[in-house]
């Protein structure tokens, strides 16, 4: 598997840049991944609302939520999510939230 350098420490990721070990995720790593993998320099409150929701949902249920659930529970529209994460909720938001690559729709 490939690695990214995070504060001088190699972090294992899959071929798409998702964390190999989601248990190492933290907010600082999220900021790093946002800029390094997705080109997002500043995470806004809306970014964090989505990121924290995804991370908690995954921690609670072991899977990423469906897009409908994400939108309903956060109050953020799918259009807005694509504005925040140009690569979308599955590829961009889930990656930054420390989830493994979703196998289905998110």
Protein backbone atom coordinates (compact mmCIF):
# COMPACT_ATOMS: atom_id res chain seq x y z
CA UNK A 1 0.00 0.00 0.00
CA UNK A 2 1.12 3.58 -0.55
CA UNK A 3 1.95 6.07 2.19
CA UNK A 4 1.61 9.82 2.71
CA UNK A 5 3.99 11.80 4.91
CA UNK A 6 2.15 13.39 7.81
CA UNK A 7 4.39 15.48 10.08
CA UNK A 8 7.32 13.29 9.07
CA UNK A 9 5.47 10.06 9.81
CA UNK A 10 4.40 7.72 7.02
CA UNK A 11 0.64 7.07 7.09
CA UNK A 12 -0.62 4.08 5.14
CA UNK A 13 -3.38 4.79 2.64
CA UNK A 14 -5.04 2.73 -0.07
CA UNK A 15 -4.58 3.35 -3.79
CA UNK A 16 -7.23 6.11 -3.63
CA UNK A 17 -5.76 7.88 -0.60
CA UNK A 18 -8.17 6.58 2.06
CA UNK A 19 -6.69 5.75 5.47
CA UNK A 20 -5.75 2.10 5.84
CA UNK A 21 -6.37 2.40 9.60
CA UNK A 22 -9.36 4.67 10.35
CA UNK A 23 -8.62 4.49 14.09
CA UNK A 24 -5.69 6.92 13.69
CA UNK A 25 -7.97 9.71 12.40
CA UNK A 26 -8.08 13.04 14.22
CA UNK A 27 -9.00 16.63 13.34
CA UNK A 28 -5.42 17.61 12.52
CA UNK A 29 -5.09 14.65 10.16
CA UNK A 30 -8.41 15.69 8.59
CA UNK A 31 -7.02 19.16 7.90
CA UNK A 32 -3.89 17.63 6.38
CA UNK A 33 -5.89 15.26 4.17
CA UNK A 34 -8.24 18.05 3.09
CA UNK A 35 -5.36 20.10 1.75
CA UNK A 36 -3.09 17.28 0.59
CA UNK A 37 -5.64 15.01 -1.08
CA UNK A 38 -8.51 17.35 -1.93
CA UNK A 39 -6.90 20.80 -2.24
CA UNK A 40 -9.11 22.33 0.47
CA UNK A 41 -7.01 24.86 2.39
CA UNK A 42 -9.56 26.05 4.94
CA UNK A 43 -12.25 23.83 6.42
CA UNK A 44 -15.39 25.85 7.18
CA UNK A 45 -18.09 25.10 9.75
CA UNK A 46 -20.09 23.37 6.97
CA UNK A 47 -17.08 21.20 6.09
CA UNK A 48 -16.73 20.19 9.74
CA UNK A 49 -20.45 19.51 10.09
CA UNK A 50 -20.22 16.96 7.25
CA UNK A 51 -16.84 15.55 8.32
CA UNK A 52 -17.81 15.09 11.96
CA UNK A 53 -21.19 13.59 11.03
CA UNK A 54 -19.54 11.07 8.68
CA UNK A 55 -16.89 10.14 11.22
CA UNK A 56 -19.41 9.65 14.05
CA UNK A 57 -21.81 7.69 11.84
CA UNK A 58 -18.98 5.38 10.78
CA UNK A 59 -17.83 4.98 14.39
CA UNK A 60 -21.38 4.16 15.52
CA UNK A 61 -22.44 1.88 12.64
CA UNK A 62 -19.27 0.70 10.87
CA UNK A 63 -20.43 1.98 7.46
CA UNK A 64 -20.77 5.32 5.69
CA UNK A 65 -24.28 6.75 5.62
CA UNK A 66 -26.41 6.99 2.51
CA UNK A 67 -26.38 10.45 0.92
CA UNK A 68 -30.03 11.01 1.80
CA UNK A 69 -29.32 10.34 5.46
CA UNK A 70 -26.26 12.63 5.40
CA UNK A 71 -28.27 15.49 3.88
CA UNK A 72 -31.29 14.99 6.15
CA UNK A 73 -29.32 14.73 9.38
CA UNK A 74 -26.93 17.62 8.65
CA UNK A 75 -29.40 19.90 6.85
CA UNK A 76 -26.83 20.38 4.08
CA UNK A 77 -28.06 19.85 0.52
CA UNK A 78 -26.28 17.54 -1.90
CA UNK A 79 -25.47 20.55 -4.09
CA UNK A 80 -23.79 22.23 -1.13
CA UNK A 81 -21.85 19.06 -0.31
CA UNK A 82 -20.46 19.08 -3.86
CA UNK A 83 -19.54 22.76 -3.41
CA UNK A 84 -17.68 21.87 -0.23
CA UNK A 85 -16.10 18.64 -1.52
CA UNK A 86 -15.63 18.84 -5.29
CA UNK A 87 -14.92 15.11 -5.53
CA UNK A 88 -18.18 14.38 -3.73
CA UNK A 89 -19.38 12.90 -0.47
CA UNK A 90 -17.90 9.42 -1.01
CA UNK A 91 -14.50 10.24 -2.42
CA UNK A 92 -13.78 13.61 -0.82
CA UNK A 93 -15.77 13.94 2.38
CA UNK A 94 -15.40 10.33 3.52
CA UNK A 95 -11.66 10.42 2.85
CA UNK A 96 -11.20 13.55 4.96
CA UNK A 97 -13.46 12.09 7.69
CA UNK A 98 -11.09 9.12 7.99
CA UNK A 99 -13.50 6.49 6.68
CA UNK A 100 -12.36 3.59 4.53
CA UNK A 101 -13.36 3.85 0.89
CA UNK A 102 -17.14 3.31 0.74
CA UNK A 103 -18.21 0.24 -1.20
CA UNK A 104 -21.65 1.62 -2.10
CA UNK A 105 -23.25 4.98 -2.51
CA UNK A 106 -22.76 7.63 0.13
